[in-house]
Amino acid sequence: MDMIVGGPGAFIGGVYRIAACLDGEIELVCGAFSSDARQSLEMGAKLGLSADRIYGSY
């Protein structure tokens, strides 16, 4: 799955990620976590995503 928003300081992003992965059928593979490219890259790295799958804009 991909995720748009839910980066640093966004409470609901973590909730969505946990809920989506409960049954083990979904894997987060890419995302744009913030409109700030640096913050998006940091969040994607924290989540273990490949740098080429982390987007700095929506």
C-alpha atoms as a PDB file:
ATOM      1  CA  MET A   1       0.000   0.000   0.000  1.00  0.00           C
ATOM      2  CA  ASP A   2       1.022   3.586  -0.323  1.00  0.00           C
ATOM      3  CA  MET A   3       0.369   6.375   2.143  1.00  0.00           C
ATOM      4  CA  ILE A   4      -0.274  10.044   1.547  1.00  0.00           C
ATOM      5  CA  VAL A   5       0.336  12.172   4.674  1.00  0.00           C
ATOM      6  CA  GLY A   6       0.784  10.706   8.126  1.00  0.00           C
ATOM      7  CA  GLY A   7       4.293  12.008   8.707  1.00  0.00           C
ATOM      8  CA  PRO A   8       6.011  13.453  11.764  1.00  0.00           C
ATOM      9  CA  GLY A   9       3.544  14.834  14.293  1.00  0.00           C
ATOM     10  CA  ALA A  10       0.493  13.341  12.580  1.00  0.00           C
ATOM     11  CA  PHE A  11      -1.270  11.084  15.078  1.00  0.00           C
ATOM     12  CA  ILE A  12      -3.614   9.382  12.645  1.00  0.00           C
ATOM     13  CA  GLY A  13      -0.886   8.227  10.247  1.00  0.00           C
ATOM     14  CA  GLY A  14       0.482   5.781  12.790  1.00  0.00           C
ATOM     15  CA  VAL A  15      -3.005   4.507  13.559  1.00  0.00           C
ATOM     16  CA  TYR A  16      -3.674   3.870   9.860  1.00  0.00           C
ATOM     17  CA  ARG A  17      -0.369   2.029   9.419  1.00  0.00           C
ATOM     18  CA  ILE A  18      -0.991  -0.205  12.436  1.00  0.00           C
ATOM     19  CA  ALA A  19      -4.575  -0.991  11.401  1.00  0.00           C
ATOM     20  CA  ALA A  20      -3.607  -1.765   7.804  1.00  0.00           C
ATOM     21  CA  CYS A  21      -0.937  -4.237   8.880  1.00  0.00           C
ATOM     22  CA  LEU A  22      -2.949  -6.108  11.540  1.00  0.00           C
ATOM     23  CA  ASP A  23      -3.668  -9.148   9.397  1.00  0.00           C
ATOM     24  CA  GLY A  24      -0.252  -9.240   7.731  1.00  0.00           C
ATOM     25  CA  GLU A  25      -1.762  -8.989   4.252  1.00  0.00           C
ATOM     26  CA  ILE A  26      -0.643  -5.425   3.494  1.00  0.00           C
ATOM     27  CA  GLU A  27       2.854  -3.984   3.239  1.00  0.00           C
ATOM     28  CA  LEU A  28       3.683  -0.282   3.119  1.00  0.00           C
ATOM     29  CA  VAL A  29       5.914   0.173   0.068  1.00  0.00           C
ATOM     30  CA  CYS A  30       5.882   3.906  -0.669  1.00  0.00           C
ATOM     31  CA  GLY A  31       4.547   7.218   0.494  1.00  0.00           C
ATOM     32  CA  ALA A  32       4.456  10.993   0.561  1.00  0.00           C
ATOM     33  CA  PHE A  33       4.376  11.703   4.282  1.00  0.00           C
ATOM     34  CA  SER A  34       4.704  15.481   4.285  1.00  0.00           C
ATOM     35  CA  SER A  35       4.649  18.417   1.901  1.00  0.00           C
ATOM     36  CA  ASP A  36       8.142  19.129   3.251  1.00  0.00           C
ATOM     37  CA  ALA A  37      10.457  16.845   1.245  1.00  0.00           C
ATOM     38  CA  ARG A  38      13.002  16.537   4.066  1.00  0.00           C
ATOM     39  CA  GLN A  39      10.353  15.481   6.594  1.00  0.00           C
ATOM     40  CA  SER A  40       8.861  13.022   4.146  1.00  0.00           C
ATOM     41  CA  LEU A  41      12.270  11.446   3.515  1.00  0.00           C
ATOM     42  CA  GLU A  42      12.971  11.191   7.251  1.00  0.00           C
ATOM     43  CA  MET A  43       9.630   9.507   7.928  1.00  0.00           C
ATOM     44  CA  GLY A  44      10.029   7.079   5.051  1.00  0.00           C
ATOM     45  CA  ALA A  45      13.501   6.149   6.279  1.00  0.00           C
ATOM     46  CA  LYS A  46      12.104   5.546   9.786  1.00  0.00           C
ATOM     47  CA  LEU A  47       9.567   3.201   8.246  1.00  0.00           C
ATOM     48  CA  GLY A  48      12.284   1.322   6.362  1.00  0.00           C
ATOM     49  CA  LEU A  49      11.242   2.381   2.875  1.00  0.00           C
ATOM     50  CA  SER A  50      13.625   2.623  -0.049  1.00  0.00           C
ATOM     51  CA  ALA A  51      14.613   6.251  -0.742  1.00  0.00           C
ATOM     52  CA  ASP A  52      13.353   5.983  -4.326  1.00  0.00           C
ATOM     53  CA  ARG A  53       9.851   5.165  -3.021  1.00  0.00           C
ATOM     54  CA  ILE A  54       9.600   8.191  -0.695  1.00  0.00           C
ATOM     55  CA  TYR A  55       8.036  11.233  -2.326  1.00  0.00           C
ATOM     56  CA  GLY A  56       8.566  14.849  -1.304  1.00  0.00           C
ATOM     57  CA  SER A  57       5.289  16.208  -2.613  1.00  0.00           C
ATOM     58  CA  TYR A  58       1.720  15.099  -2.962  1.00  0.00           C
END
